[in-house]
Protein backbone atom coordinates (compact mmCIF):
# COMPACT_ATOMS: atom_id res chain seq x y z
CA UNK A 1 -62.01 96.71 124.78
CA UNK A 2 -64.90 95.52 122.63
CA UNK A 3 -67.11 92.82 124.08
CA UNK A 4 -68.78 90.99 121.21
CA UNK A 5 -72.03 89.32 122.23
CA UNK A 6 -73.10 86.05 120.64
CA UNK A 7 -75.78 86.11 118.00
CA UNK A 8 -79.08 85.65 119.80
CA UNK A 9 -77.71 86.63 123.23
CA UNK A 10 -80.57 87.58 125.54
CA UNK A 11 -81.27 91.00 127.01
CA UNK A 12 -80.60 89.55 130.45
CA UNK A 13 -77.13 88.38 129.39
CA UNK A 14 -76.42 91.80 127.91
CA UNK A 15 -77.52 93.47 131.14
CA UNK A 16 -75.28 91.22 133.24
CA UNK A 17 -72.24 91.96 131.07
CA UNK A 18 -72.90 95.72 131.34
CA UNK A 19 -73.22 95.36 135.10
CA UNK A 20 -69.91 93.51 135.34
CA UNK A 21 -68.15 96.12 133.18
CA UNK A 22 -69.27 98.81 135.60
CA UNK A 23 -68.09 96.74 138.57
CA UNK A 24 -64.65 96.57 136.98
CA UNK A 25 -64.56 100.38 136.80
CA UNK A 26 -65.36 100.88 133.11
CA UNK A 27 -68.20 102.58 131.28
CA UNK A 28 -70.23 100.36 128.91
CA UNK A 29 -71.46 101.70 125.56
CA UNK A 30 -73.78 99.34 123.69
CA UNK A 31 -73.73 99.42 119.88
CA UNK A 32 -76.68 97.54 118.39
CA UNK A 33 -75.84 95.71 115.16
CA UNK A 34 -78.06 93.94 112.67
CA UNK A 35 -77.12 90.44 113.82
CA UNK A 36 -75.44 90.96 117.18
CA UNK A 37 -74.61 93.61 119.76
CA UNK A 38 -71.20 94.78 120.87
CA UNK A 39 -70.25 96.70 124.00
CA UNK A 40 -67.45 99.21 124.11
CA UNK A 41 -65.86 99.24 127.56
CA UNK A 42 -64.21 102.65 128.02
CA UNK A 43 -61.95 103.63 130.89
CA UNK A 44 -58.40 103.48 132.21
CA UNK A 45 -56.15 101.84 129.61
CA UNK A 46 -53.76 100.52 132.25
CA UNK A 47 -56.13 97.91 133.66
CA UNK A 48 -57.97 96.83 130.52
CA UNK A 49 -56.53 93.29 130.60
CA UNK A 50 -58.92 92.49 133.43
CA UNK A 51 -61.78 92.84 130.97
CA UNK A 52 -60.58 89.69 129.22
CA UNK A 53 -62.30 87.73 131.99
CA UNK A 54 -65.66 88.72 130.49
CA UNK A 55 -65.17 86.03 127.81
CA UNK A 56 -66.35 83.47 130.36
CA UNK A 57 -69.73 85.14 130.88
CA UNK A 58 -72.90 83.75 129.25
CA UNK A 59 -73.73 85.38 125.94
CA UNK A 60 -70.21 86.68 125.28
CA UNK A 61 -68.50 85.51 122.09
CA UNK A 62 -65.13 87.20 122.57
CA UNK A 63 -63.32 90.25 123.92
CA UNK A 64 -61.20 92.25 121.50
CA UNK A 65 -58.82 95.13 122.33
CA UNK A 66 -59.45 98.45 120.58
CA UNK A 67 -56.16 99.62 119.14
CA UNK A 68 -57.15 103.20 118.30
CA UNK A 69 -56.89 105.86 121.04
CA UNK A 70 -60.39 106.99 120.04
CA UNK A 71 -62.63 104.08 120.99
CA UNK A 72 -66.26 104.89 120.24
CA UNK A 73 -65.46 106.84 117.07
CA UNK A 74 -63.41 103.97 115.67
CA UNK A 75 -64.52 101.51 113.02
CA UNK A 76 -63.09 98.82 115.24
CA UNK A 77 -66.09 99.19 117.54
CA UNK A 78 -68.64 99.91 114.77
CA UNK A 79 -67.67 98.81 111.26
CA UNK A 80 -70.88 99.98 109.57
CA UNK A 81 -71.57 103.63 108.71
CA UNK A 82 -73.55 105.60 111.29
CA UNK A 83 -76.72 107.24 110.00
CA UNK A 84 -77.92 110.15 112.15
CA UNK A 85 -81.50 111.34 112.08
CA UNK A 86 -81.56 115.13 112.16
CA UNK A 87 -85.34 115.45 112.20
CA UNK A 88 -87.98 112.90 111.15
CA UNK A 89 -87.54 112.27 107.43
CA UNK A 90 -84.03 113.70 107.21
CA UNK A 91 -80.86 111.77 108.03
CA UNK A 92 -77.17 112.18 107.32
CA UNK A 93 -74.84 109.28 106.55
CA UNK A 94 -77.18 107.52 104.10
CA UNK A 95 -77.04 107.61 100.30
CA UNK A 96 -78.79 110.99 100.28
CA UNK A 97 -76.46 113.99 100.45
CA UNK A 98 -77.39 116.67 102.98
CA UNK A 99 -76.73 120.28 101.98
CA UNK A 100 -76.67 122.90 104.74
CA UNK A 101 -76.86 126.45 103.39
CA UNK A 102 -77.36 129.97 104.65
CA UNK A 103 -75.53 133.11 105.74
CA UNK A 104 -72.50 133.24 107.98
CA UNK A 105 -74.38 135.56 110.35
CA UNK A 106 -78.03 136.20 111.01
CA UNK A 107 -78.48 139.94 110.39
CA UNK A 108 -82.21 140.62 110.11
CA UNK A 109 -85.58 138.92 109.78
CA UNK A 110 -85.82 139.72 106.07
CA UNK A 111 -82.30 138.51 105.36
CA UNK A 112 -82.60 135.11 107.06
CA UNK A 113 -86.11 134.31 105.82
CA UNK A 114 -85.29 135.35 102.25
CA UNK A 115 -82.19 133.17 102.32
CA UNK A 116 -84.03 130.21 103.89
CA UNK A 117 -86.70 130.21 101.20
CA UNK A 118 -84.11 130.59 98.44
CA UNK A 119 -81.84 127.75 99.56
CA UNK A 120 -84.78 125.43 100.14
CA UNK A 121 -86.06 126.15 96.64
CA UNK A 122 -82.61 125.21 95.28
CA UNK A 123 -82.56 121.90 97.16
CA UNK A 124 -80.89 122.56 100.53
CA UNK A 125 -82.26 120.50 103.40
CA UNK A 126 -80.79 122.36 106.40
CA UNK A 127 -80.54 126.10 107.09
CA UNK A 128 -77.24 127.35 108.52
CA UNK A 129 -76.79 130.70 110.23
CA UNK A 130 -74.69 132.14 113.04
CA UNK A 131 -76.29 133.82 116.03
CA UNK A 132 -73.10 133.73 118.12
CA UNK A 133 -69.98 134.55 116.09
CA UNK A 134 -66.47 133.99 117.48
CA UNK A 135 -64.25 136.41 115.60
CA UNK A 136 -60.52 136.92 115.44
CA UNK A 137 -60.94 140.62 116.25
CA UNK A 138 -62.91 141.72 119.34
CA UNK A 139 -64.10 144.72 117.29
CA UNK A 140 -65.79 142.60 114.59
CA UNK A 141 -69.50 141.80 114.51
CA UNK A 142 -70.12 139.13 117.16
CA UNK A 143 -73.64 138.08 116.16
CA UNK A 144 -77.15 138.88 117.35
CA UNK A 145 -77.06 136.18 120.05
CA UNK A 146 -80.52 135.18 121.35
CA UNK A 147 -82.30 137.58 119.01
CA UNK A 148 -80.51 135.80 116.16
CA UNK A 149 -81.70 132.44 117.48
CA UNK A 150 -85.27 133.72 117.49
CA UNK A 151 -84.92 134.85 113.89
CA UNK A 152 -83.56 131.44 112.93
CA UNK A 153 -86.63 129.87 114.54
CA UNK A 154 -88.83 132.18 112.44
CA UNK A 155 -86.96 131.15 109.31
CA UNK A 156 -87.45 127.48 110.20
CA UNK A 157 -91.17 128.13 110.61
CA UNK A 158 -91.31 129.90 107.23
CA UNK A 159 -89.24 127.38 105.28
CA UNK A 160 -89.65 124.08 107.11
CA UNK A 161 -85.86 123.66 107.18
CA UNK A 162 -84.16 122.45 110.39
CA UNK A 163 -81.40 124.78 111.58
CA UNK A 164 -77.74 124.36 112.47
CA UNK A 165 -76.07 127.11 114.47
CA UNK A 166 -72.91 127.46 116.51
CA UNK A 167 -72.62 127.36 120.27
CA UNK A 168 -69.51 129.17 121.47
CA UNK A 169 -69.66 129.11 125.26
CA UNK A 170 -70.60 126.25 127.61
CA UNK A 171 -72.91 128.61 129.48
CA UNK A 172 -74.97 129.07 126.29
CA UNK A 173 -75.54 125.36 125.56
CA UNK A 174 -79.03 125.20 127.05
CA UNK A 175 -80.07 128.44 125.36
CA UNK A 176 -78.88 127.38 121.90
CA UNK A 177 -80.35 123.89 122.36
CA UNK A 178 -83.82 125.42 122.79
CA UNK A 179 -83.65 126.69 119.21
CA UNK A 180 -81.18 124.57 117.21
CA UNK A 181 -81.78 121.21 115.55
CA UNK A 182 -78.01 120.70 115.18
CA UNK A 183 -75.45 122.13 117.60
CA UNK A 184 -72.34 123.32 115.78
CA UNK A 185 -68.89 123.43 117.38
CA UNK A 186 -66.61 125.78 115.47
CA UNK A 187 -62.97 125.24 114.58
CA UNK A 188 -61.78 127.41 117.46
CA UNK A 189 -63.66 125.25 119.97
CA UNK A 190 -62.71 121.81 118.66
CA UNK A 191 -60.65 121.22 121.83
CA UNK A 192 -62.92 123.07 124.25
CA UNK A 193 -63.42 119.90 126.24
CA UNK A 194 -65.83 121.42 128.76
CA UNK A 195 -68.12 122.41 125.89
CA UNK A 196 -67.77 119.02 124.20
CA UNK A 197 -68.69 117.19 127.41
CA UNK A 198 -71.80 119.31 127.86
CA UNK A 199 -72.89 118.62 124.29
CA UNK A 200 -72.28 114.93 124.93
CA UNK A 201 -74.98 115.03 127.57
CA UNK A 202 -77.57 116.37 125.12
CA UNK A 203 -79.60 114.29 122.72
CA UNK A 204 -79.18 116.71 119.81
CA UNK A 205 -76.89 116.09 116.83
CA UNK A 206 -73.50 117.80 117.12
CA UNK A 207 -71.65 119.12 114.07
CA UNK A 208 -67.97 119.18 115.00
CA UNK A 209 -65.66 121.29 112.84
CA UNK A 210 -62.01 120.40 112.48
CA UNK A 211 -59.60 122.95 113.90
CA UNK A 212 -57.32 124.84 111.55
CA UNK A 213 -54.25 123.04 112.98
CA UNK A 214 -55.92 119.84 114.20
CA UNK A 215 -54.65 116.44 113.09
CA UNK A 216 -57.10 113.70 112.10
CA UNK A 217 -56.36 111.84 115.34
CA UNK A 218 -56.91 114.96 117.44
CA UNK A 219 -60.15 115.61 115.54
CA UNK A 220 -61.45 112.12 116.31
CA UNK A 221 -60.37 112.42 119.93
CA UNK A 222 -62.53 115.54 120.18
CA UNK A 223 -65.45 113.57 118.75
CA UNK A 224 -64.70 110.94 121.39
CA UNK A 225 -65.38 113.49 124.14
CA UNK A 226 -68.95 113.88 122.87
CA UNK A 227 -69.47 110.17 122.24
CA UNK A 228 -68.10 109.12 125.64
CA UNK A 229 -70.73 111.23 127.39
CA UNK A 230 -73.49 109.24 125.69
CA UNK A 231 -74.34 111.32 122.62
CA UNK A 232 -73.76 109.17 119.51
CA UNK A 233 -75.05 111.79 117.06
CA UNK A 234 -71.76 113.38 115.98
CA UNK A 235 -71.17 114.76 112.46
CA UNK A 236 -67.60 115.56 111.42
CA UNK A 237 -66.91 118.67 109.33
CA UNK A 238 -63.70 119.38 107.42
CA UNK A 239 -63.41 123.15 106.87
CA UNK A 240 -59.85 123.64 105.76
CA UNK A 241 -56.55 123.66 107.62
CA UNK A 242 -53.94 126.38 107.93
CA UNK A 243 -50.91 125.96 105.68
CA UNK A 244 -48.30 128.27 104.13
CA UNK A 245 -50.61 129.00 101.18
CA UNK A 246 -52.12 132.49 101.01
CA UNK A 247 -54.17 132.23 97.80
CA UNK A 248 -57.05 130.74 99.79
CA UNK A 249 -58.32 131.44 103.28
CA UNK A 250 -57.40 127.90 104.35
CA UNK A 251 -56.38 124.74 102.50
CA UNK A 252 -59.28 122.33 102.01
CA UNK A 253 -58.06 118.87 102.97
CA UNK A 254 -60.17 116.75 100.64
CA UNK A 255 -57.95 113.76 101.44
CA UNK A 256 -59.44 113.90 104.94
CA UNK A 257 -62.62 112.36 103.52
CA UNK A 258 -61.19 108.96 102.52
CA UNK A 259 -58.83 108.98 105.52
CA UNK A 260 -61.72 109.54 107.92
CA UNK A 261 -63.81 106.99 106.03
CA UNK A 262 -61.16 104.38 106.82
CA UNK A 263 -60.90 105.39 110.46
CA UNK A 264 -64.43 106.16 111.66
CA UNK A 265 -68.08 105.31 111.17
CA UNK A 266 -69.22 108.91 111.74
CA UNK A 267 -70.72 110.92 108.84
CA UNK A 268 -68.48 113.52 107.16
CA UNK A 269 -69.42 116.87 105.65
CA UNK A 270 -67.32 119.54 103.95
CA UNK A 271 -67.43 123.33 104.37
CA UNK A 272 -65.77 124.74 101.23
CA UNK A 273 -66.79 128.33 102.05
CA UNK A 274 -64.52 128.66 105.08
CA UNK A 275 -61.89 126.50 103.42
CA UNK A 276 -61.42 128.67 100.35
CA UNK A 277 -62.68 132.09 101.42
CA UNK A 278 -63.71 132.87 97.83
CA UNK A 279 -67.21 132.32 96.44
CA UNK A 280 -65.86 131.53 92.97
CA UNK A 281 -63.99 128.48 94.33
CA UNK A 282 -66.88 127.01 96.30
CA UNK A 283 -68.74 125.11 93.53
CA UNK A 284 -65.67 123.21 92.29
CA UNK A 285 -64.74 122.23 95.85
CA UNK A 286 -68.31 120.99 96.41
CA UNK A 287 -68.08 118.83 93.28
CA UNK A 288 -64.69 117.46 94.32
CA UNK A 289 -65.87 116.71 97.86
CA UNK A 290 -68.86 114.73 96.62
CA UNK A 291 -66.57 112.79 94.27
CA UNK A 292 -64.29 112.03 97.26
CA UNK A 293 -67.20 110.56 99.21
CA UNK A 294 -68.52 113.15 101.67
CA UNK A 295 -72.01 112.77 103.18
CA UNK A 296 -72.93 116.43 102.92
CA UNK A 297 -71.90 120.04 102.39
CA UNK A 298 -72.15 123.30 104.32
CA UNK A 299 -72.28 126.33 102.02
CA UNK A 300 -72.58 130.01 102.84
CA UNK A 301 -75.32 131.83 100.92
CA UNK A 302 -76.29 135.48 101.31
CA UNK A 303 -78.78 137.54 99.25
CA UNK A 304 -76.44 140.56 99.28
CA UNK A 305 -72.88 139.40 100.06
CA UNK A 306 -71.48 142.87 99.34
CA UNK A 307 -73.26 144.16 102.48
CA UNK A 308 -72.83 141.04 104.66
CA UNK A 309 -71.79 141.64 108.26
CA UNK A 310 -69.30 138.78 108.01
CA UNK A 311 -67.69 136.58 105.35
CA UNK A 312 -69.34 138.22 102.33
CA UNK A 313 -66.51 137.34 99.90
CA UNK A 314 -67.01 133.61 100.41
CA UNK A 315 -70.83 133.65 100.21
CA UNK A 316 -72.72 132.61 97.10
CA UNK A 317 -75.70 134.59 95.92
CA UNK A 318 -78.96 132.58 95.85
CA UNK A 319 -78.91 132.31 92.05
CA UNK A 320 -75.29 131.10 92.14
CA UNK A 321 -76.21 128.52 94.76
CA UNK A 322 -79.14 127.30 92.66
CA UNK A 323 -76.87 126.91 89.63
CA UNK A 324 -74.31 125.00 91.69
CA UNK A 325 -76.99 122.67 93.10
CA UNK A 326 -78.19 121.85 89.60
CA UNK A 327 -74.69 120.81 88.55
CA UNK A 328 -74.10 119.05 91.88
CA UNK A 329 -76.90 116.59 91.12
CA UNK A 330 -74.83 115.26 88.23
CA UNK A 331 -71.81 114.66 90.47
CA UNK A 332 -74.03 113.06 93.12
CA UNK A 333 -75.47 110.63 90.59
CA UNK A 334 -72.00 109.57 89.41
CA UNK A 335 -70.93 109.08 93.04
CA UNK A 336 -73.97 106.88 93.68
CA UNK A 337 -75.68 109.46 95.88
CA UNK A 338 -78.98 111.31 95.66
CA UNK A 339 -79.62 114.99 96.21
């Protein structure tokens, strides 16, 4: 249920409504609007009719049922777009596109710092890089783990770029959170609910990647796990879904952008590198994604992709990334965005 407070309702009235929601066995989530506040009451669906009695409380305008199974992620509870501050001066969900760029895996100090400086020079605003790497084969490179996190921190110091990196295991959440500005959940962990709940208890932004066989509703339900624990800073990432097609690594579902835009207030970014698996296809998919209305992009860049420890074929060279970014500014301007 959504409890819509009257315009001008006092803090005391808001507090009393929250108190009553808790007494009825539900968890209140306050969403502050420009003219009025609403409260999402989340809990057992079977007894939600009892919440209708809240309409009689002072300060309450009306009580409206939420029809979507995902409550806090739904536009029903928050019609306006959510803007998430990553670090002071940098937000995602506004008119400014956010480009996250860097190597699939952190491999050395020289590699990550060289890449960080190159992507910043080209216009990227976030550095991506994997310290923990979940791989299909147990014999593949698994990442440098904490040493990789330390190198990412050095690259942030050298470039001034905030970092996004993946957390794979719930036991590593606190460790990764000490270094990362954005906590990434990979496609394989989109329904690792223990991990999602732990991230929901942090204050850091969470970048949630769609699973390769995850429906839009399942994707938003995973976001709901983070939101329901109190963390409202969730960024959705479409990175391609698995289909019968073999010409690309995955099939980039660009239609997910307008579909998600209709369903949720959360910001949406696109990862065309993992979607296509081929560096030559990445720029055109970036242009198309911006035209479709995404809020940002995540692009793999490596100074020497031919020697990369992982995902070299889908990584742009720094000069290719710079060229793409130059052209991307034209698409951003047509789409009414800045870069």
